[in-house]
PDB file of N, CA and C in Angstrom:
ATOM      1  N   MET A   1      72.278 -44.020 -41.868  1.00  0.00           N
ATOM      2  CA  MET A   1      71.521 -44.411 -42.881  1.00  0.00           C
ATOM      3  C   MET A   1      71.373 -43.553 -43.884  1.00  0.00           C
ATOM      4  N   PRO A   2      71.654 -43.845 -45.218  1.00  0.00           N
ATOM      5  CA  PRO A   2      71.360 -42.853 -46.581  1.00  0.00           C
ATOM      6  C   PRO A   2      70.061 -42.592 -46.581  1.00  0.00           C
ATOM      7  N   GLU A   3      69.705 -41.278 -46.743  1.00  0.00           N
ATOM      8  CA  GLU A   3      68.653 -40.599 -46.925  1.00  0.00           C
ATOM      9  C   GLU A   3      68.072 -40.988 -48.145  1.00  0.00           C
ATOM     10  N   ALA A   4      66.614 -41.026 -48.317  1.00  0.00           N
ATOM     11  CA  ALA A   4      65.960 -41.221 -49.698  1.00  0.00           C
ATOM     12  C   ALA A   4      65.618 -39.809 -50.072  1.00  0.00           C
ATOM     13  N   SER A   5      65.633 -39.687 -51.442  1.00  0.00           N
ATOM     14  CA  SER A   5      65.042 -38.439 -51.818  1.00  0.00           C
ATOM     15  C   SER A   5      63.539 -38.359 -52.040  1.00  0.00           C
ATOM     16  N   ARG A   6      62.997 -37.457 -52.204  1.00  0.00           N
ATOM     17  CA  ARG A   6      61.364 -37.401 -52.399  1.00  0.00           C
ATOM     18  C   ARG A   6      61.079 -38.354 -53.427  1.00  0.00           C
ATOM     19  N   SER A   7      61.865 -38.432 -54.490  1.00  0.00           N
ATOM     20  CA  SER A   7      61.359 -39.056 -55.605  1.00  0.00           C
ATOM     21  C   SER A   7      61.915 -40.510 -55.528  1.00  0.00           C
ATOM     22  N   GLU A   8      62.353 -40.990 -54.529  1.00  0.00           N
ATOM     23  CA  GLU A   8      62.851 -42.232 -54.213  1.00  0.00           C
ATOM     24  C   GLU A   8      61.783 -43.174 -53.435  1.00  0.00           C
ATOM     25  N   ARG A   9      61.754 -44.198 -53.927  1.00  0.00           N
ATOM     26  CA  ARG A   9      60.953 -45.540 -53.162  1.00  0.00           C
ATOM     27  C   ARG A   9      61.919 -46.276 -52.672  1.00  0.00           C
ATOM     28  N   VAL A  10      61.485 -46.555 -51.409  1.00  0.00           N
ATOM     29  CA  VAL A  10      62.493 -47.731 -50.803  1.00  0.00           C
ATOM     30  C   VAL A  10      62.014 -48.797 -50.473  1.00  0.00           C
ATOM     31  N   VAL A  11      62.717 -49.879 -50.927  1.00  0.00           N
ATOM     32  CA  VAL A  11      61.834 -51.273 -50.851  1.00  0.00           C
ATOM     33  C   VAL A  11      62.746 -52.282 -49.895  1.00  0.00           C
ATOM     34  N   GLU A  12      62.143 -52.768 -48.985  1.00  0.00           N
ATOM     35  CA  GLU A  12      62.809 -53.645 -47.911  1.00  0.00           C
ATOM     36  C   GLU A  12      62.367 -54.942 -48.571  1.00  0.00           C
ATOM     37  N   VAL A  13      63.384 -55.567 -49.135  1.00  0.00           N
ATOM     38  CA  VAL A  13      63.269 -56.650 -49.942  1.00  0.00           C
ATOM     39  C   VAL A  13      62.686 -57.801 -48.820  1.00  0.00           C
ATOM     40  N   ALA A  14      63.095 -57.993 -47.681  1.00  0.00           N
ATOM     41  CA  ALA A  14      62.437 -58.852 -46.561  1.00  0.00           C
ATOM     42  C   ALA A  14      61.113 -59.002 -46.555  1.00  0.00           C
ATOM     43  N   ASP A  15      60.460 -57.944 -46.935  1.00  0.00           N
ATOM     44  CA  ASP A  15      59.001 -57.667 -46.999  1.00  0.00           C
ATOM     45  C   ASP A  15      58.187 -58.570 -48.188  1.00  0.00           C
ATOM     46  N   ILE A  16      58.895 -58.907 -49.184  1.00  0.00           N
ATOM     47  CA  ILE A  16      58.192 -59.435 -50.473  1.00  0.00           C
ATOM     48  C   ILE A  16      58.525 -61.029 -50.227  1.00  0.00           C
ATOM     49  N   VAL A  17      57.648 -61.647 -50.589  1.00  0.00           N
ATOM     50  CA  VAL A  17      57.694 -63.071 -50.744  1.00  0.00           C
ATOM     51  C   VAL A  17      58.638 -63.478 -51.678  1.00  0.00           C
ATOM     52  N   PRO A  18      59.636 -64.293 -51.216  1.00  0.00           N
ATOM     53  CA  PRO A  18      60.827 -64.699 -52.056  1.00  0.00           C
ATOM     54  C   PRO A  18      60.975 -65.129 -53.618  1.00  0.00           C
ATOM     55  N   ARG A  19      59.738 -65.846 -53.947  1.00  0.00           N
ATOM     56  CA  ARG A  19      59.614 -66.087 -55.327  1.00  0.00           C
ATOM     57  C   ARG A  19      59.192 -64.958 -56.359  1.00  0.00           C
ATOM     58  N   HIS A  20      58.627 -63.971 -55.543  1.00  0.00           N
ATOM     59  CA  HIS A  20      58.171 -62.710 -56.264  1.00  0.00           C
ATOM     60  C   HIS A  20      59.201 -61.455 -56.202  1.00  0.00           C
ATOM     61  N   ARG A  21      60.174 -61.612 -55.520  1.00  0.00           N
ATOM     62  CA  ARG A  21      61.385 -60.284 -55.416  1.00  0.00           C
ATOM     63  C   ARG A  21      61.705 -59.845 -56.560  1.00  0.00           C
ATOM     64  N   HIS A  22      62.464 -60.588 -57.283  1.00  0.00           N
ATOM     65  CA  HIS A  22      63.048 -60.031 -58.568  1.00  0.00           C
ATOM     66  C   HIS A  22      62.094 -59.334 -59.491  1.00  0.00           C
ATOM     67  N   ALA A  23      60.843 -60.170 -59.654  1.00  0.00           N
ATOM     68  CA  ALA A  23      59.959 -59.665 -60.656  1.00  0.00           C
ATOM     69  C   ALA A  23      59.287 -58.286 -60.231  1.00  0.00           C
ATOM     70  N   ILE A  24      59.046 -58.375 -58.737  1.00  0.00           N
ATOM     71  CA  ILE A  24      58.616 -57.003 -58.513  1.00  0.00           C
ATOM     72  C   ILE A  24      59.771 -55.857 -58.444  1.00  0.00           C
ATOM     73  N   ILE A  25      60.859 -56.130 -58.245  1.00  0.00           N
ATOM     74  CA  ILE A  25      61.844 -55.224 -58.316  1.00  0.00           C
ATOM     75  C   ILE A  25      62.247 -54.780 -59.741  1.00  0.00           C
ATOM     76  N   PHE A  26      61.957 -55.907 -60.588  1.00  0.00           N
ATOM     77  CA  PHE A  26      62.081 -55.442 -62.199  1.00  0.00           C
ATOM     78  C   PHE A  26      60.963 -54.467 -62.534  1.00  0.00           C
ATOM     79  N   GLN A  27      59.733 -54.795 -62.118  1.00  0.00           N
ATOM     80  CA  GLN A  27      58.586 -53.807 -62.437  1.00  0.00           C
ATOM     81  C   GLN A  27      58.876 -52.380 -61.963  1.00  0.00           C
ATOM     82  N   LEU A  28      59.262 -52.433 -60.567  1.00  0.00           N
ATOM     83  CA  LEU A  28      59.418 -51.011 -60.023  1.00  0.00           C
ATOM     84  C   LEU A  28      60.590 -50.145 -60.905  1.00  0.00           C
ATOM     85  N   PHE A  29      61.641 -50.976 -61.273  1.00  0.00           N
ATOM     86  CA  PHE A  29      62.732 -50.447 -62.087  1.00  0.00           C
ATOM     87  C   PHE A  29      62.375 -49.728 -63.300  1.00  0.00           C
ATOM     88  N   GLU A  30      61.531 -50.788 -63.885  1.00  0.00           N
ATOM     89  CA  GLU A  30      61.160 -50.301 -65.441  1.00  0.00           C
ATOM     90  C   GLU A  30      60.117 -49.140 -65.496  1.00  0.00           C
ATOM     91  N   HIS A  31      59.391 -49.012 -64.317  1.00  0.00           N
ATOM     92  CA  HIS A  31      58.478 -47.757 -64.260  1.00  0.00           C
ATOM     93  C   HIS A  31      59.045 -46.525 -63.499  1.00  0.00           C
ATOM     94  N   LEU A  32      60.164 -46.366 -63.135  1.00  0.00           N
ATOM     95  CA  LEU A  32      60.745 -45.538 -62.682  1.00  0.00           C
ATOM     96  C   LEU A  32      60.531 -44.047 -63.388  1.00  0.00           C
ATOM     97  N   ALA A  33      60.233 -42.946 -62.780  1.00  0.00           N
ATOM     98  CA  ALA A  33      60.086 -41.761 -63.496  1.00  0.00           C
ATOM     99  C   ALA A  33      61.569 -41.258 -63.894  1.00  0.00           C
ATOM    100  N   PRO A  34      61.708 -40.334 -64.738  1.00  0.00           N
ATOM    101  CA  PRO A  34      62.916 -40.082 -65.382  1.00  0.00           C
ATOM    102  C   PRO A  34      63.935 -39.394 -64.223  1.00  0.00           C
ATOM    103  N   ASP A  35      63.193 -38.738 -63.298  1.00  0.00           N
ATOM    104  CA  ASP A  35      64.193 -38.164 -61.958  1.00  0.00           C
ATOM    105  C   ASP A  35      63.993 -39.125 -60.985  1.00  0.00           C
ATOM    106  N   GLY A  36      63.390 -40.387 -60.963  1.00  0.00           N
ATOM    107  CA  GLY A  36      63.027 -41.192 -59.954  1.00  0.00           C
ATOM    108  C   GLY A  36      64.250 -42.202 -59.725  1.00  0.00           C
ATOM    109  N   SER A  37      64.165 -42.875 -58.418  1.00  0.00           N
ATOM    110  CA  SER A  37      65.263 -43.825 -58.054  1.00  0.00           C
ATOM    111  C   SER A  37      64.592 -44.793 -57.225  1.00  0.00           C
ATOM    112  N   LEU A  38      65.196 -46.002 -57.012  1.00  0.00           N
ATOM    113  CA  LEU A  38      64.629 -47.092 -56.137  1.00  0.00           C
ATOM    114  C   LEU A  38      65.659 -47.499 -55.226  1.00  0.00           C
ATOM    115  N   GLN A  39      65.527 -47.690 -54.206  1.00  0.00           N
ATOM    116  CA  GLN A  39      66.516 -48.015 -53.087  1.00  0.00           C
ATOM    117  C   GLN A  39      66.144 -49.367 -52.705  1.00  0.00           C
ATOM    118  N   ILE A  40      66.941 -50.274 -52.673  1.00  0.00           N
ATOM    119  CA  ILE A  40      66.511 -51.603 -52.029  1.00  0.00           C
ATOM    120  C   ILE A  40      67.373 -51.934 -51.103  1.00  0.00           C
ATOM    121  N   VAL A  41      66.784 -52.691 -50.011  1.00  0.00           N
ATOM    122  CA  VAL A  41      67.489 -52.840 -48.732  1.00  0.00           C
ATOM    123  C   VAL A  41      67.451 -54.377 -48.574  1.00  0.00           C
ATOM    124  N   VAL A  42      68.575 -55.135 -48.549  1.00  0.00           N
ATOM    125  CA  VAL A  42      68.628 -56.556 -48.437  1.00  0.00           C
ATOM    126  C   VAL A  42      69.551 -56.934 -47.379  1.00  0.00           C
ATOM    127  N   ASP A  43      69.497 -58.070 -47.123  1.00  0.00           N
ATOM    128  CA  ASP A  43      70.286 -58.756 -45.999  1.00  0.00           C
ATOM    129  C   ASP A  43      71.790 -59.365 -46.466  1.00  0.00           C
ATOM    130  N   HIS A  44      71.967 -59.125 -47.838  1.00  0.00           N
ATOM    131  CA  HIS A  44      73.075 -59.906 -48.502  1.00  0.00           C
ATOM    132  C   HIS A  44      73.483 -59.089 -49.788  1.00  0.00           C
ATOM    133  N   ASN A  45      74.588 -59.375 -50.402  1.00  0.00           N
ATOM    134  CA  ASN A  45      74.966 -58.430 -51.538  1.00  0.00           C
ATOM    135  C   ASN A  45      74.100 -59.047 -52.805  1.00  0.00           C
ATOM    136  N   PRO A  46      73.329 -58.207 -53.313  1.00  0.00           N
ATOM    137  CA  PRO A  46      72.234 -58.593 -54.414  1.00  0.00           C
ATOM    138  C   PRO A  46      72.919 -58.529 -55.781  1.00  0.00           C
ATOM    139  N   LYS A  47      74.073 -58.976 -55.878  1.00  0.00           N
ATOM    140  CA  LYS A  47      74.868 -59.109 -57.184  1.00  0.00           C
ATOM    141  C   LYS A  47      74.113 -59.931 -58.132  1.00  0.00           C
ATOM    142  N   PRO A  48      73.454 -61.079 -57.897  1.00  0.00           N
ATOM    143  CA  PRO A  48      72.604 -61.683 -59.019  1.00  0.00           C
ATOM    144  C   PRO A  48      71.635 -60.651 -59.380  1.00  0.00           C
ATOM    145  N   LEU A  49      71.040 -59.878 -58.869  1.00  0.00           N
ATOM    146  CA  LEU A  49      69.883 -58.971 -59.237  1.00  0.00           C
ATOM    147  C   LEU A  49      70.636 -57.993 -60.311  1.00  0.00           C
ATOM    148  N   ARG A  50      71.627 -57.631 -59.738  1.00  0.00           N
ATOM    149  CA  ARG A  50      72.525 -56.439 -60.744  1.00  0.00           C
ATOM    150  C   ARG A  50      72.860 -57.173 -61.963  1.00  0.00           C
ATOM    151  N   LEU A  51      73.313 -58.549 -62.185  1.00  0.00           N
ATOM    152  CA  LEU A  51      73.456 -59.076 -63.244  1.00  0.00           C
ATOM    153  C   LEU A  51      72.361 -58.984 -64.202  1.00  0.00           C
ATOM    154  N   GLN A  52      71.158 -59.572 -63.621  1.00  0.00           N
ATOM    155  CA  GLN A  52      69.979 -59.667 -64.405  1.00  0.00           C
ATOM    156  C   GLN A  52      69.538 -58.265 -64.860  1.00  0.00           C
ATOM    157  N   LEU A  53      69.658 -57.157 -64.095  1.00  0.00           N
ATOM    158  CA  LEU A  53      68.998 -55.959 -64.470  1.00  0.00           C
ATOM    159  C   LEU A  53      69.884 -55.315 -65.658  1.00  0.00           C
ATOM    160  N   GLU A  54      71.272 -55.670 -65.512  1.00  0.00           N
ATOM    161  CA  GLU A  54      72.215 -55.262 -66.661  1.00  0.00           C
ATOM    162  C   GLU A  54      72.126 -56.006 -67.778  1.00  0.00           C
ATOM    163  N   ALA A  55      71.697 -57.296 -67.712  1.00  0.00           N
ATOM    164  CA  ALA A  55      71.562 -58.062 -68.876  1.00  0.00           C
ATOM    165  C   ALA A  55      70.238 -57.418 -69.676  1.00  0.00           C
ATOM    166  N   ARG A  56      69.312 -57.204 -68.850  1.00  0.00           N
ATOM    167  CA  ARG A  56      67.835 -56.608 -69.732  1.00  0.00           C
ATOM    168  C   ARG A  56      68.226 -55.161 -70.115  1.00  0.00           C
ATOM    169  N   HIS A  57      69.207 -54.482 -69.356  1.00  0.00           N
ATOM    170  CA  HIS A  57      68.997 -52.875 -69.657  1.00  0.00           C
ATOM    171  C   HIS A  57      70.136 -52.332 -69.880  1.00  0.00           C
ATOM    172  N   GLY A  58      71.242 -53.048 -70.119  1.00  0.00           N
ATOM    173  CA  GLY A  58      72.766 -52.703 -70.150  1.00  0.00           C
ATOM    174  C   GLY A  58      73.076 -51.430 -69.529  1.00  0.00           C
ATOM    175  N   SER A  59      73.805 -50.443 -69.946  1.00  0.00           N
ATOM    176  CA  SER A  59      74.167 -49.563 -69.315  1.00  0.00           C
ATOM    177  C   SER A  59      73.147 -48.498 -69.024  1.00  0.00           C
ATOM    178  N   ARG A  60      72.163 -48.603 -69.211  1.00  0.00           N
ATOM    179  CA  ARG A  60      70.845 -47.978 -68.737  1.00  0.00           C
ATOM    180  C   ARG A  60      70.620 -48.147 -67.312  1.00  0.00           C
ATOM    181  N   CYS A  61      70.931 -49.093 -66.856  1.00  0.00           N
ATOM    182  CA  CYS A  61      70.899 -49.449 -65.263  1.00  0.00           C
ATOM    183  C   CYS A  61      72.103 -48.804 -64.556  1.00  0.00           C
ATOM    184  N   ASP A  62      71.600 -47.697 -63.873  1.00  0.00           N
ATOM    185  CA  ASP A  62      72.582 -47.207 -62.753  1.00  0.00           C
ATOM    186  C   ASP A  62      72.411 -47.794 -61.455  1.00  0.00           C
ATOM    187  N   TRP A  63      73.539 -48.484 -60.938  1.00  0.00           N
ATOM    188  CA  TRP A  63      73.576 -49.174 -59.868  1.00  0.00           C
ATOM    189  C   TRP A  63      74.508 -48.528 -58.814  1.00  0.00           C
ATOM    190  N   SER A  64      74.174 -48.077 -57.536  1.00  0.00           N
ATOM    191  CA  SER A  64      74.994 -47.450 -56.707  1.00  0.00           C
ATOM    192  C   SER A  64      74.850 -48.050 -55.373  1.00  0.00           C
ATOM    193  N   TYR A  65      75.981 -48.682 -54.714  1.00  0.00           N
ATOM    194  CA  TYR A  65      76.133 -49.289 -53.491  1.00  0.00           C
ATOM    195  C   TYR A  65      75.835 -47.870 -52.545  1.00  0.00           C
ATOM    196  N   LEU A  66      75.062 -47.976 -51.609  1.00  0.00           N
ATOM    197  CA  LEU A  66      74.861 -47.095 -50.354  1.00  0.00           C
ATOM    198  C   LEU A  66      75.465 -47.655 -49.240  1.00  0.00           C
ATOM    199  N   GLY A  67      75.192 -48.811 -49.133  1.00  0.00           N
ATOM    200  CA  GLY A  67      75.729 -49.609 -47.850  1.00  0.00           C
ATOM    201  C   GLY A  67      76.101 -50.888 -48.111  1.00  0.00           C
ATOM    202  N   LYS A  68      77.266 -51.518 -47.823  1.00  0.00           N
ATOM    203  CA  LYS A  68      77.927 -52.855 -48.200  1.00  0.00           C
ATOM    204  C   LYS A  68      78.151 -53.750 -46.814  1.00  0.00           C
ATOM    205  N   GLY A  69      76.822 -54.045 -46.116  1.00  0.00           N
ATOM    206  CA  GLY A  69      76.919 -55.135 -45.280  1.00  0.00           C
ATOM    207  C   GLY A  69      77.531 -54.948 -43.985  1.00  0.00           C
ATOM    208  N   PRO A  70      77.931 -55.605 -43.111  1.00  0.00           N
ATOM    209  CA  PRO A  70      77.710 -57.315 -43.324  1.00  0.00           C
ATOM    210  C   PRO A  70      76.140 -57.417 -43.132  1.00  0.00           C
ATOM    211  N   ASP A  71      75.216 -56.894 -42.461  1.00  0.00           N
ATOM    212  CA  ASP A  71      73.958 -57.290 -42.131  1.00  0.00           C
ATOM    213  C   ASP A  71      73.051 -56.643 -43.202  1.00  0.00           C
ATOM    214  N   THR A  72      73.341 -55.328 -43.537  1.00  0.00           N
ATOM    215  CA  THR A  72      72.227 -54.648 -44.272  1.00  0.00           C
ATOM    216  C   THR A  72      73.145 -54.195 -45.568  1.00  0.00           C
ATOM    217  N   TRP A  73      72.472 -54.227 -46.802  1.00  0.00           N
ATOM    218  CA  TRP A  73      72.993 -53.851 -47.983  1.00  0.00           C
ATOM    219  C   TRP A  73      71.968 -52.920 -48.639  1.00  0.00           C
ATOM    220  N   ARG A  74      72.524 -51.728 -48.912  1.00  0.00           N
ATOM    221  CA  ARG A  74      71.589 -50.622 -49.714  1.00  0.00           C
ATOM    222  C   ARG A  74      72.056 -50.399 -51.059  1.00  0.00           C
ATOM    223  N   VAL A  75      71.171 -50.352 -51.991  1.00  0.00           N
ATOM    224  CA  VAL A  75      71.538 -50.112 -53.254  1.00  0.00           C
ATOM    225  C   VAL A  75      70.502 -49.099 -53.755  1.00  0.00           C
ATOM    226  N   ARG A  76      71.085 -48.355 -54.733  1.00  0.00           N
ATOM    227  CA  ARG A  76      70.161 -47.255 -55.338  1.00  0.00           C
ATOM    228  C   ARG A  76      70.165 -47.415 -56.692  1.00  0.00           C
ATOM    229  N   LEU A  77      69.071 -47.686 -57.347  1.00  0.00           N
ATOM    230  CA  LEU A  77      68.896 -47.904 -58.658  1.00  0.00           C
ATOM    231  C   LEU A  77      68.229 -46.573 -59.405  1.00  0.00           C
ATOM    232  N   ARG A  78      68.752 -46.538 -60.748  1.00  0.00           N
ATOM    233  CA  ARG A  78      68.100 -45.483 -61.664  1.00  0.00           C
ATOM    234  C   ARG A  78      68.009 -45.822 -62.893  1.00  0.00           C
ATOM    235  N   LEU A  79      67.186 -45.669 -63.779  1.00  0.00           N
ATOM    236  CA  LEU A  79      66.928 -46.097 -65.024  1.00  0.00           C
ATOM    237  C   LEU A  79      67.143 -45.017 -65.991  1.00  0.00           C
ATOM    238  N   LEU A  80      68.439 -44.965 -66.598  1.00  0.00           N
ATOM    239  CA  LEU A  80      68.922 -43.739 -67.362  1.00  0.00           C
ATOM    240  C   LEU A  80      68.400 -43.925 -68.712  1.00  0.00           C
ATOM    241  N   ASP A  81      68.225 -42.397 -69.139  1.00  0.00           N
ATOM    242  CA  ASP A  81      67.602 -42.213 -70.647  1.00  0.00           C
ATOM    243  C   ASP A  81      68.638 -42.974 -71.631  1.00  0.00           C
ATOM    244  N   PRO A  82      68.283 -43.486 -72.735  1.00  0.00           N
ATOM    245  CA  PRO A  82      69.143 -44.119 -73.676  1.00  0.00           C
ATOM    246  C   PRO A  82      70.261 -43.100 -73.981  1.00  0.00           C
ATOM    247  N   GLY A  83      69.990 -41.753 -74.080  1.00  0.00           N
ATOM    248  CA  GLY A  83      70.915 -41.006 -74.428  1.00  0.00           C
ATOM    249  C   GLY A  83      72.106 -40.501 -73.459  1.00  0.00           C
ATOM    250  N   SER A  84      71.505 -40.668 -72.271  1.00  0.00           N
ATOM    251  CA  SER A  84      72.369 -40.387 -70.994  1.00  0.00           C
ATOM    252  C   SER A  84      73.340 -41.441 -70.458  1.00  0.00           C
ATOM    253  N   ALA A  85      73.034 -42.604 -71.102  1.00  0.00           N
ATOM    254  CA  ALA A  85      73.823 -43.955 -70.666  1.00  0.00           C
ATOM    255  C   ALA A  85      75.162 -43.615 -70.914  1.00  0.00           C
ATOM    256  N   ASP A  86      75.931 -44.157 -69.837  1.00  0.00           N
ATOM    257  CA  ASP A  86      77.509 -44.000 -70.010  1.00  0.00           C
ATOM    258  C   ASP A  86      77.993 -45.108 -70.898  1.00  0.00           C
ATOM    259  N   THR A  87      78.739 -44.609 -71.936  1.00  0.00           N
ATOM    260  CA  THR A  87      79.179 -45.693 -73.228  1.00  0.00           C
ATOM    261  C   THR A  87      80.708 -46.075 -72.805  1.00  0.00           C
ATOM    262  N   GLY A  88      81.227 -45.636 -71.896  1.00  0.00           N
ATOM    263  CA  GLY A  88      82.546 -46.024 -71.722  1.00  0.00           C
ATOM    264  C   GLY A  88      83.058 -45.972 -70.486  1.00  0.00           C
TER     265      GLY A  88
END
């Protein structure tokens, strides 16, 4: 299992009421500290969430798969500063 850093919050998505999941993850993501990250743990590929985050934040949304199923998916999210976002 990938280790979480001290500044990383780990969220077990199954612990969140389904209708509130994306809203809670959006809020946590948007309030990340500059050096912080958010690790989400889910039972499926969270691709729809990725598309929504990228639609809102563009290249400022740094998305890294730490584990790709089949039973558990782990993703690390970071909110990049506008000047550090990859443009190419």
